[in-house]
């Protein structure tokens, strides 16, 4: 009976149909997905408006400063499908469920990833096919132009290619999607819930609280804060000053190490926990240039030695204060950095990041990159990352995955990307080369996508991935990101349909 009632409610909501969606969702977050944001990035580079877009997710209101007609998450222009049939609109143009009363905007969409794959190089007697089976939903609600809410849930089962399988066994998590339990003989079962509440206190102040991810930078990798790892609880304060030339953000987050504390109780002990206070100040004197300074301090709060309360300084949103009070040298708990971008000729974006742990400059990491947008259809991107020495007890991890670059020890990386987008077709070729003391990795991904429904980036994908791993020093110990160094080659072919609203990283 319960199933019947839920199904009836679902059918009634679906029957609401469609009314033109308004611009209520000004303070909704845009998805952190690099292929989805192509049009937005292209428009920002060519715009004369100041847009702060290096601390992601950005607000819809920021993107609409550039072009109010940009295709973002709400919907396509209604004029494009006025004469379409209901089923055609729902499949190819509109949100699956949508309601717009003029003051309330509600959308509900399915989240899926049904993928089949085959590895032509790696022969495993215990596995004859690889697949991903993801089902879930995404709900967005806006009330007026000040209040927004979003919630999503994903349930997954997967049999993974060999190198991802080894990585999941080594770290106990599945590439940023959370802890796993066994599924069948060789599969993984894992789930992820996300959500946030956003309130615009004034035109220049937005407060958010939720469970999700963030990314700082303009490149493929981030040396400051990446969306590589699993979701975490957070509070985020966004403020703008001096006609939007200055933006100041504070992010208070809670992370976990997957190390259980000893407990006398028969149930499992708690995981080690830590809190982080991150501050980001960005100055943009014009639309073509911005420079930002970043500080993040991690406070271990529950460890094997017991609870460690944080001081009141944790809550004070003043950049530099926590470093002054908490800096104790070589703890691996303080990360400083800068982020810079420069737009040229309305077609080119150059970007740079620098980060350092605990004032120790042999642990300096540097990123240099550039993007070229051609004819509103082509993107060419190059990026280089040089990762300095790590600290043995570096605290910038969550759920056994890095909060910055995936490889944290004496690593050099070169990346290249070519992407072509025309209407609903996206062709993408990416290549990266990673070299470190332990291992060399080459990774190439050729992917063709056809966007079925652009309102929630629902697409058909077909592609091939090539990965070659060469051991340089078999005596070096494994890390959370990489098991013991080995020689391996993989040619993986895949085909599927998926909703692409987040970044998933397989290229390391």
Protein backbone atom coordinates (compact mmCIF):
# COMPACT_ATOMS: atom_id res chain seq x y z
CA UNK A 1 0.00 0.00 0.00
CA UNK A 2 2.89 2.28 0.81
CA UNK A 3 4.32 1.64 -2.67
CA UNK A 4 0.92 2.46 -4.22
CA UNK A 5 0.66 5.78 -2.38
CA UNK A 6 4.19 6.79 -3.39
CA UNK A 7 3.52 5.87 -7.01
CA UNK A 8 0.25 7.84 -7.03
CA UNK A 9 2.01 10.91 -5.71
CA UNK A 10 4.73 10.52 -8.36
CA UNK A 11 2.17 10.24 -11.16
CA UNK A 12 0.30 13.30 -9.90
CA UNK A 13 3.48 15.35 -9.80
CA UNK A 14 4.41 14.23 -13.29
CA UNK A 15 0.97 15.29 -14.46
CA UNK A 16 1.64 18.83 -13.39
CA UNK A 17 3.28 19.32 -16.77
CA UNK A 18 5.24 22.41 -17.63
CA UNK A 19 4.91 26.13 -17.25
CA UNK A 20 7.68 28.48 -18.29
CA UNK A 21 10.30 28.41 -15.55
CA UNK A 22 11.15 31.78 -14.09
CA UNK A 23 14.46 33.11 -12.87
CA UNK A 24 13.67 32.34 -9.25
CA UNK A 25 16.73 30.16 -8.84
CA UNK A 26 19.22 33.03 -8.56
CA UNK A 27 21.04 31.53 -5.57
CA UNK A 28 21.01 27.92 -6.73
CA UNK A 29 24.39 26.29 -7.28
CA UNK A 30 25.37 25.32 -10.81
CA UNK A 31 26.72 21.79 -11.27
CA UNK A 32 30.47 21.22 -10.96
CA UNK A 33 30.93 19.44 -14.27
CA UNK A 34 33.59 20.48 -16.76
CA UNK A 35 31.77 19.43 -19.92
CA UNK A 36 28.45 20.89 -18.71
CA UNK A 37 30.05 24.30 -18.03
CA UNK A 38 31.52 24.80 -21.53
CA UNK A 39 28.97 27.46 -22.57
CA UNK A 40 29.30 29.27 -19.24
CA UNK A 41 33.11 29.36 -19.32
CA UNK A 42 33.10 30.50 -22.94
CA UNK A 43 30.66 33.32 -22.19
CA UNK A 44 32.60 34.48 -19.12
CA UNK A 45 35.91 34.66 -21.01
CA UNK A 46 34.26 36.78 -23.72
CA UNK A 47 32.31 39.03 -21.37
CA UNK A 48 33.03 42.53 -20.11
CA UNK A 49 31.26 41.78 -16.80
CA UNK A 50 33.11 40.81 -13.62
CA UNK A 51 32.23 37.24 -12.70
CA UNK A 52 33.77 35.34 -9.79
CA UNK A 53 33.84 31.76 -11.04
CA UNK A 54 36.96 30.19 -9.57
CA UNK A 55 35.30 29.00 -6.32
CA UNK A 56 32.84 26.35 -7.48
CA UNK A 57 29.97 25.69 -7.45
CA UNK A 58 29.11 29.21 -8.53
CA UNK A 59 25.68 30.74 -8.08
CA UNK A 60 23.30 30.97 -11.01
CA UNK A 61 23.13 34.72 -10.41
CA UNK A 62 26.87 35.01 -11.16
CA UNK A 63 26.54 33.30 -14.55
CA UNK A 64 23.48 35.35 -15.47
CA UNK A 65 25.48 38.54 -15.11
CA UNK A 66 27.10 37.49 -18.39
CA UNK A 67 24.04 36.32 -20.32
CA UNK A 68 20.55 35.82 -18.93
CA UNK A 69 19.79 33.48 -21.85
CA UNK A 70 22.64 31.11 -21.11
CA UNK A 71 21.42 27.54 -20.93
CA UNK A 72 21.77 26.72 -17.26
CA UNK A 73 20.03 24.21 -15.05
CA UNK A 74 16.49 25.73 -15.08
CA UNK A 75 15.36 25.09 -18.70
CA UNK A 76 15.63 25.92 -22.36
CA UNK A 77 13.84 28.94 -23.73
CA UNK A 78 10.16 28.03 -23.94
CA UNK A 79 9.91 29.30 -27.53
CA UNK A 80 12.03 26.35 -28.67
CA UNK A 81 9.43 23.76 -27.79
CA UNK A 82 6.04 25.47 -27.65
CA UNK A 83 4.69 23.15 -30.32
CA UNK A 84 6.31 19.93 -29.08
CA UNK A 85 4.19 17.07 -27.78
CA UNK A 86 4.17 16.37 -24.05
CA UNK A 87 6.24 13.17 -24.23
CA UNK A 88 8.74 14.75 -26.60
CA UNK A 89 9.16 17.76 -24.31
CA UNK A 90 9.75 15.59 -21.25
CA UNK A 91 12.26 13.33 -22.97
CA UNK A 92 14.29 15.91 -24.90
CA UNK A 93 13.70 19.44 -23.56
CA UNK A 94 12.19 19.82 -20.10
CA UNK A 95 12.76 18.74 -16.54
CA UNK A 96 11.13 15.40 -15.79
CA UNK A 97 8.84 17.07 -13.24
CA UNK A 98 8.48 20.85 -13.02
CA UNK A 99 6.24 23.32 -11.25
CA UNK A 100 6.47 27.10 -11.45
CA UNK A 101 3.81 29.10 -9.60
CA UNK A 102 5.59 32.42 -9.99
CA UNK A 103 6.92 32.34 -6.45
CA UNK A 104 7.84 28.66 -6.11
CA UNK A 105 10.00 26.75 -8.58
CA UNK A 106 10.28 22.97 -8.23
CA UNK A 107 12.12 20.57 -10.53
CA UNK A 108 12.76 16.83 -10.13
CA UNK A 109 14.98 14.84 -12.47
CA UNK A 110 16.32 11.28 -12.59
CA UNK A 111 20.02 10.60 -12.08
CA UNK A 112 21.31 7.54 -13.93
CA UNK A 113 24.50 5.98 -15.22
CA UNK A 114 23.96 2.74 -17.10
CA UNK A 115 27.27 1.74 -18.64
CA UNK A 116 28.74 -1.41 -20.17
CA UNK A 117 32.42 -1.83 -20.89
CA UNK A 118 35.11 -4.23 -21.99
CA UNK A 119 38.86 -4.20 -21.44
CA UNK A 120 40.74 -5.52 -24.48
CA UNK A 121 44.10 -5.73 -22.69
CA UNK A 122 43.42 -6.82 -19.13
CA UNK A 123 42.44 -10.49 -19.02
CA UNK A 124 40.71 -11.55 -15.81
CA UNK A 125 39.34 -15.03 -15.50
CA UNK A 126 36.91 -14.02 -12.77
CA UNK A 127 35.23 -11.20 -14.77
CA UNK A 128 33.68 -11.30 -18.24
CA UNK A 129 32.10 -7.82 -18.28
CA UNK A 130 32.32 -4.44 -16.60
CA UNK A 131 29.38 -2.22 -15.84
CA UNK A 132 28.00 0.65 -13.76
CA UNK A 133 24.38 0.74 -12.63
CA UNK A 134 23.43 4.06 -11.01
CA UNK A 135 19.92 5.21 -10.10
CA UNK A 136 18.86 8.28 -8.21
CA UNK A 137 17.10 11.62 -8.26
CA UNK A 138 17.81 15.34 -8.08
CA UNK A 139 15.30 17.76 -6.55
CA UNK A 140 15.60 21.54 -6.67
CA UNK A 141 13.29 23.99 -4.96
CA UNK A 142 13.41 27.80 -5.02
CA UNK A 143 11.13 30.08 -3.04
CA UNK A 144 11.29 33.60 -4.33
CA UNK A 145 14.73 34.79 -5.37
CA UNK A 146 16.35 34.37 -1.94
CA UNK A 147 15.75 30.79 -0.79
CA UNK A 148 16.86 27.61 -2.58
CA UNK A 149 17.11 23.97 -1.65
CA UNK A 150 18.61 21.00 -3.49
CA UNK A 151 18.76 17.30 -2.65
CA UNK A 152 20.03 14.29 -4.56
CA UNK A 153 20.69 10.62 -3.90
CA UNK A 154 22.58 7.97 -5.87
CA UNK A 155 22.56 4.20 -5.43
CA UNK A 156 25.27 2.34 -7.34
CA UNK A 157 26.44 -1.13 -8.22
CA UNK A 158 29.52 -1.61 -10.38
CA UNK A 159 32.17 -4.02 -11.59
CA UNK A 160 35.25 -1.90 -12.23
CA UNK A 161 38.27 -2.08 -14.54
CA UNK A 162 41.30 -3.62 -12.87
CA UNK A 163 43.16 -0.44 -11.90
CA UNK A 164 40.01 1.11 -10.41
CA UNK A 165 39.26 -2.17 -8.67
CA UNK A 166 42.71 -2.16 -7.04
CA UNK A 167 42.33 1.49 -6.07
CA UNK A 168 38.93 0.86 -4.44
CA UNK A 169 40.27 -2.10 -2.46
CA UNK A 170 43.28 -0.07 -1.35
CA UNK A 171 41.38 3.03 -0.20
CA UNK A 172 38.01 1.46 0.77
CA UNK A 173 36.19 4.08 -1.34
CA UNK A 174 35.05 4.21 -4.98
CA UNK A 175 36.48 7.28 -6.80
CA UNK A 176 34.82 10.00 -4.75
CA UNK A 177 31.52 8.16 -4.40
CA UNK A 178 31.92 6.83 -0.88
CA UNK A 179 32.63 3.65 1.06
CA UNK A 180 31.69 0.37 -0.56
CA UNK A 181 30.44 -3.04 0.37
CA UNK A 182 30.78 -6.18 -1.73
CA UNK A 183 28.24 -6.84 -4.46
CA UNK A 184 28.18 -10.31 -6.00
CA UNK A 185 31.54 -11.94 -6.60
CA UNK A 186 33.53 -8.96 -7.89
CA UNK A 187 31.27 -5.93 -7.65
CA UNK A 188 30.90 -2.89 -5.42
CA UNK A 189 27.78 -1.41 -3.86
CA UNK A 190 27.99 2.23 -2.80
CA UNK A 191 25.72 5.23 -2.33
CA UNK A 192 25.98 9.00 -2.05
CA UNK A 193 23.59 11.67 -0.77
CA UNK A 194 24.04 15.39 -1.42
CA UNK A 195 22.09 18.50 -0.56
CA UNK A 196 22.24 22.11 0.52
CA UNK A 197 20.12 25.03 1.71
CA UNK A 198 20.92 28.48 0.32
CA UNK A 199 19.66 31.83 1.60
CA UNK A 200 20.54 35.23 0.12
CA UNK A 201 20.50 37.51 3.16
CA UNK A 202 21.11 40.50 0.88
CA UNK A 203 22.21 41.03 -2.71
CA UNK A 204 25.83 40.82 -1.55
CA UNK A 205 25.56 38.05 1.09
CA UNK A 206 24.60 34.40 0.59
CA UNK A 207 24.72 31.73 3.30
CA UNK A 208 24.68 28.02 2.49
CA UNK A 209 24.72 24.84 4.57
CA UNK A 210 24.85 21.38 3.11
CA UNK A 211 26.61 18.13 2.31
CA UNK A 212 28.59 18.23 -0.92
CA UNK A 213 31.84 19.13 -2.70
CA UNK A 214 33.72 22.23 -3.82
CA UNK A 215 36.45 23.08 -6.33
CA UNK A 216 38.77 26.08 -6.40
CA UNK A 217 40.46 27.03 -9.65
CA UNK A 218 40.04 27.37 -13.39
CA UNK A 219 41.79 24.18 -14.47
CA UNK A 220 41.25 20.44 -14.53
CA UNK A 221 43.07 19.91 -11.23
CA UNK A 222 43.08 22.04 -8.11
CA UNK A 223 46.01 22.46 -5.76
CA UNK A 224 43.83 24.27 -3.21
CA UNK A 225 40.54 22.36 -2.89
CA UNK A 226 39.27 19.68 -5.29
CA UNK A 227 36.01 17.79 -5.76
CA UNK A 228 37.97 14.54 -6.06
CA UNK A 229 36.95 13.12 -2.67
CA UNK A 230 33.62 12.18 -1.12
CA UNK A 231 30.95 14.66 0.05
CA UNK A 232 31.34 16.41 3.41
CA UNK A 233 29.17 18.62 5.67
CA UNK A 234 29.84 22.34 5.29
CA UNK A 235 28.75 25.90 5.95
CA UNK A 236 29.63 28.43 3.23
CA UNK A 237 29.42 32.23 3.40
CA UNK A 238 29.70 34.22 0.14
CA UNK A 239 30.04 38.01 0.24
CA UNK A 240 30.68 40.58 -2.50
CA UNK A 241 32.09 44.08 -2.03
CA UNK A 242 32.89 47.24 -4.01
CA UNK A 243 30.56 46.61 -6.95
CA UNK A 244 31.53 42.94 -7.07
CA UNK A 245 35.23 43.66 -7.55
CA UNK A 246 36.02 41.90 -4.28
CA UNK A 247 34.56 38.57 -3.21
CA UNK A 248 35.24 37.00 0.18
CA UNK A 249 34.23 33.43 1.02
CA UNK A 250 34.44 31.29 4.15
CA UNK A 251 33.99 27.52 4.08
CA UNK A 252 33.69 25.57 7.34
CA UNK A 253 33.76 21.84 6.68
CA UNK A 254 33.97 18.52 8.52
CA UNK A 255 36.19 15.71 7.20
CA UNK A 256 36.83 12.11 8.25
CA UNK A 257 39.71 9.66 8.17
CA UNK A 258 38.52 6.10 7.68
CA UNK A 259 40.35 4.97 10.82
CA UNK A 260 38.01 3.73 13.52
CA UNK A 261 38.59 4.63 17.14
CA UNK A 262 38.77 1.85 19.68
CA UNK A 263 35.48 1.41 21.49
CA UNK A 264 34.37 -0.72 24.42
CA UNK A 265 30.91 -0.79 22.90
CA UNK A 266 30.20 -3.89 20.76
CA UNK A 267 29.24 -1.63 17.83
CA UNK A 268 31.87 -0.16 15.52
CA UNK A 269 33.83 2.81 16.80
CA UNK A 270 33.67 6.31 15.39
CA UNK A 271 35.94 7.41 12.58
CA UNK A 272 38.64 9.98 13.24
CA UNK A 273 37.22 13.40 12.52
CA UNK A 274 38.63 16.81 11.72
CA UNK A 275 37.26 20.24 10.92
CA UNK A 276 38.62 22.76 8.46
CA UNK A 277 38.24 26.51 8.21
CA UNK A 278 39.00 27.79 4.70
CA UNK A 279 39.00 31.42 3.58
CA UNK A 280 39.22 32.74 0.03
CA UNK A 281 39.52 36.38 -1.00
CA UNK A 282 39.42 37.26 -4.71
CA UNK A 283 40.01 40.66 -6.27
CA UNK A 284 38.92 41.42 -9.86
CA UNK A 285 39.66 45.00 -10.91
CA UNK A 286 38.23 44.16 -14.35
CA UNK A 287 36.56 41.32 -16.19
CA UNK A 288 39.90 40.17 -17.63
CA UNK A 289 41.92 39.66 -14.45
CA UNK A 290 41.49 38.23 -10.96
CA UNK A 291 43.84 37.30 -8.16
CA UNK A 292 42.90 35.33 -5.06
CA UNK A 293 44.52 34.26 -1.82
CA UNK A 294 43.52 31.05 -0.04
CA UNK A 295 44.04 29.76 3.49
CA UNK A 296 42.84 26.46 4.94
CA UNK A 297 43.54 25.16 8.46
CA UNK A 298 42.56 21.67 9.62
CA UNK A 299 41.68 21.05 13.27
CA UNK A 300 41.77 17.36 14.36
CA UNK A 301 38.76 17.00 16.66
CA UNK A 302 38.29 13.26 17.35
CA UNK A 303 41.46 11.14 17.35
CA UNK A 304 42.83 8.11 19.18
CA UNK A 305 43.80 10.45 22.04
CA UNK A 306 40.19 11.63 22.48
CA UNK A 307 38.15 14.74 21.71
CA UNK A 308 39.97 17.95 20.88
CA UNK A 309 37.66 20.98 21.02
CA UNK A 310 38.34 23.78 18.56
CA UNK A 311 38.88 27.32 19.68
CA UNK A 312 36.56 30.21 19.01
CA UNK A 313 38.98 31.38 16.31
CA UNK A 314 37.69 28.52 14.10
CA UNK A 315 34.41 30.43 13.67
CA UNK A 316 35.89 33.87 13.02
CA UNK A 317 35.89 34.57 9.23
CA UNK A 318 39.20 36.44 9.10
CA UNK A 319 41.81 35.12 6.72
CA UNK A 320 45.20 34.48 8.35
CA UNK A 321 43.92 34.35 11.93
CA UNK A 322 43.86 30.56 12.21
CA UNK A 323 47.35 30.24 10.71
CA UNK A 324 48.64 32.71 13.29
CA UNK A 325 47.04 30.89 16.21
CA UNK A 326 47.22 27.23 15.13
CA UNK A 327 50.47 27.11 13.16
CA UNK A 328 52.84 24.79 15.02
CA UNK A 329 55.19 23.76 12.23
CA UNK A 330 55.33 20.53 10.21
CA UNK A 331 51.88 19.35 11.27
CA UNK A 332 50.50 19.24 7.73
CA UNK A 333 47.44 21.16 8.89
CA UNK A 334 47.91 24.54 7.15
CA UNK A 335 47.63 25.13 3.40
CA UNK A 336 48.21 28.49 1.79
CA UNK A 337 47.79 29.27 -1.87
CA UNK A 338 46.97 31.70 -4.64
CA UNK A 339 44.76 31.49 -7.72
CA UNK A 340 45.07 33.80 -10.72
CA UNK A 341 43.38 34.08 -14.10
CA UNK A 342 43.84 36.44 -17.04
CA UNK A 343 41.47 36.64 -20.04
CA UNK A 344 42.88 37.81 -23.38
CA UNK A 345 41.13 38.85 -26.60
CA UNK A 346 37.81 37.42 -25.32
CA UNK A 347 39.03 33.97 -26.44
CA UNK A 348 41.93 32.98 -24.19
CA UNK A 349 42.09 32.31 -20.47
CA UNK A 350 45.43 31.85 -18.72
CA UNK A 351 45.40 30.51 -15.17
CA UNK A 352 47.84 29.75 -12.38
CA UNK A 353 47.82 28.26 -8.89
CA UNK A 354 50.48 28.06 -6.20
CA UNK A 355 50.13 26.19 -2.91
CA UNK A 356 52.41 25.44 0.03
CA UNK A 357 52.09 23.35 3.18
CA UNK A 358 53.20 24.81 6.53
CA UNK A 359 55.58 27.48 5.19
CA UNK A 360 57.91 24.78 3.89
CA UNK A 361 58.78 25.85 0.37
CA UNK A 362 60.24 22.51 -0.71
CA UNK A 363 56.60 21.46 -0.47
CA UNK A 364 55.59 24.13 -2.99
CA UNK A 365 53.18 23.05 -5.76
CA UNK A 366 52.56 25.02 -8.96
CA UNK A 367 49.95 24.91 -11.73
CA UNK A 368 50.08 26.69 -15.10
CA UNK A 369 47.41 26.37 -17.76
CA UNK A 370 45.48 27.95 -20.57
CA UNK A 371 42.20 27.64 -22.46
CA UNK A 372 41.47 28.74 -26.02
CA UNK A 373 37.85 29.09 -27.15
CA UNK A 374 37.33 29.08 -30.92
CA UNK A 375 34.14 29.92 -32.81
CA UNK A 376 31.97 29.19 -29.73
CA UNK A 377 32.38 25.48 -30.47
CA UNK A 378 36.02 24.49 -29.84
CA UNK A 379 37.94 24.37 -26.59
CA UNK A 380 41.67 23.66 -26.50
CA UNK A 381 43.22 23.38 -23.05
CA UNK A 382 46.72 22.71 -21.76
CA UNK A 383 47.78 22.38 -18.14
CA UNK A 384 50.88 21.51 -16.17
CA UNK A 385 51.06 20.59 -12.47
CA UNK A 386 54.19 20.23 -10.38
CA UNK A 387 53.52 18.74 -6.95
CA UNK A 388 56.16 19.27 -4.26
CA UNK A 389 57.08 16.95 -1.43
CA UNK A 390 54.28 15.93 0.87
CA UNK A 391 54.19 15.78 4.66
CA UNK A 392 53.90 12.35 6.22
CA UNK A 393 50.90 13.31 8.35
CA UNK A 394 49.32 15.65 5.79
CA UNK A 395 45.75 16.23 7.01
CA UNK A 396 44.27 17.33 3.67
CA UNK A 397 42.45 14.05 3.02
CA UNK A 398 38.83 13.04 3.38
CA UNK A 399 37.49 9.48 3.16
CA UNK A 400 41.00 8.30 2.22
CA UNK A 401 41.10 10.57 -0.85
CA UNK A 402 43.01 13.77 -1.45
CA UNK A 403 41.38 17.17 -1.05
CA UNK A 404 43.80 18.64 -3.60
CA UNK A 405 45.76 16.91 -6.36
CA UNK A 406 45.21 13.13 -6.40
CA UNK A 407 48.95 12.37 -6.19
CA UNK A 408 50.77 14.16 -3.41
CA UNK A 409 54.46 13.28 -3.66
CA UNK A 410 57.02 14.67 -6.12
CA UNK A 411 54.70 14.42 -9.12
CA UNK A 412 54.78 16.15 -12.49
CA UNK A 413 51.66 16.12 -14.68
CA UNK A 414 50.90 17.42 -18.18
CA UNK A 415 47.32 17.54 -19.47
CA UNK A 416 45.80 18.33 -22.85
CA UNK A 417 42.15 18.60 -23.91
CA UNK A 418 40.30 19.24 -27.17
CA UNK A 419 36.53 19.56 -27.07
CA UNK A 420 34.03 20.32 -29.83
CA UNK A 421 30.42 21.17 -29.01
CA UNK A 422 27.71 21.76 -31.58
CA UNK A 423 24.07 21.77 -30.52
CA UNK A 424 23.61 18.45 -28.69
CA UNK A 425 26.86 16.85 -29.83
CA UNK A 426 30.05 16.93 -27.73
CA UNK A 427 33.30 15.35 -28.92
CA UNK A 428 36.09 15.27 -26.35
CA UNK A 429 39.69 14.05 -26.45
CA UNK A 430 41.82 14.29 -23.32
CA UNK A 431 45.33 13.10 -22.56
CA UNK A 432 47.53 13.33 -19.52
CA UNK A 433 50.98 12.17 -18.56
CA UNK A 434 51.96 11.69 -14.92
CA UNK A 435 55.52 11.08 -13.74
CA UNK A 436 56.71 10.51 -10.18
CA UNK A 437 59.43 8.69 -8.25
CA UNK A 438 57.21 5.61 -7.99
CA UNK A 439 55.25 5.41 -11.21
CA UNK A 440 54.61 6.80 -14.69
CA UNK A 441 51.06 6.93 -16.05
CA UNK A 442 49.69 7.74 -19.50
CA UNK A 443 45.94 8.19 -19.85
CA UNK A 444 43.89 8.96 -22.97
CA UNK A 445 40.10 9.26 -23.21
CA UNK A 446 38.23 9.70 -26.51
CA UNK A 447 34.53 10.30 -25.89
CA UNK A 448 31.52 11.14 -28.06
CA UNK A 449 28.38 12.36 -26.30
CA UNK A 450 24.91 13.15 -27.57
CA UNK A 451 22.86 15.25 -25.17
CA UNK A 452 19.40 13.70 -24.90
CA UNK A 453 17.97 16.24 -22.45
CA UNK A 454 20.11 19.31 -21.70
CA UNK A 455 18.05 20.51 -18.72
CA UNK A 456 19.78 17.95 -16.51
CA UNK A 457 22.63 17.01 -18.90
CA UNK A 458 21.28 13.56 -19.71
CA UNK A 459 23.45 12.07 -22.46
CA UNK A 460 24.34 9.03 -24.50
CA UNK A 461 28.08 8.35 -24.32
CA UNK A 462 30.45 6.11 -26.22
CA UNK A 463 34.20 6.13 -25.84
CA UNK A 464 37.50 4.42 -25.36
CA UNK A 465 40.10 4.89 -22.62
CA UNK A 466 43.76 3.93 -22.84
CA UNK A 467 45.87 3.72 -19.69
CA UNK A 468 49.46 2.56 -19.31
CA UNK A 469 51.17 2.33 -15.94
CA UNK A 470 54.92 1.75 -15.55
CA UNK A 471 56.61 1.05 -12.23
CA UNK A 472 59.71 3.21 -11.59
CA UNK A 473 60.56 2.02 -8.08
CA UNK A 474 58.93 -1.16 -6.84
CA UNK A 475 60.41 -0.66 -3.38
CA UNK A 476 58.34 2.45 -2.66
CA UNK A 477 55.28 1.78 -0.53
CA UNK A 478 51.74 2.13 -1.85
CA UNK A 479 49.57 5.18 -1.22
CA UNK A 480 45.83 5.56 -0.79
CA UNK A 481 45.53 6.72 -4.39
CA UNK A 482 47.82 4.10 -5.91
CA UNK A 483 48.50 0.52 -4.81
CA UNK A 484 52.00 -0.90 -5.15
CA UNK A 485 53.68 0.20 -8.38
CA UNK A 486 53.35 -2.28 -11.24
CA UNK A 487 53.39 -2.51 -15.03
CA UNK A 488 49.93 -2.55 -16.57
CA UNK A 489 48.20 -1.61 -19.83
CA UNK A 490 44.46 -1.18 -20.36
CA UNK A 491 42.27 -0.42 -23.39
CA UNK A 492 38.75 0.05 -22.09
CA UNK A 493 35.73 0.52 -24.40
CA UNK A 494 32.48 1.80 -22.87
CA UNK A 495 28.96 2.76 -23.92
CA UNK A 496 26.08 4.03 -21.82
CA UNK A 497 23.61 6.74 -20.86
CA UNK A 498 24.18 9.02 -17.90
CA UNK A 499 23.23 12.22 -16.11
CA UNK A 500 26.40 14.29 -15.91
CA UNK A 501 26.17 16.79 -13.06
CA UNK A 502 29.48 16.06 -11.30
CA UNK A 503 33.10 15.32 -12.11
CA UNK A 504 34.39 11.77 -11.76
CA UNK A 505 38.16 11.37 -12.04
CA UNK A 506 39.67 8.24 -13.59
CA UNK A 507 42.76 9.85 -15.14
CA UNK A 508 45.45 8.94 -12.63
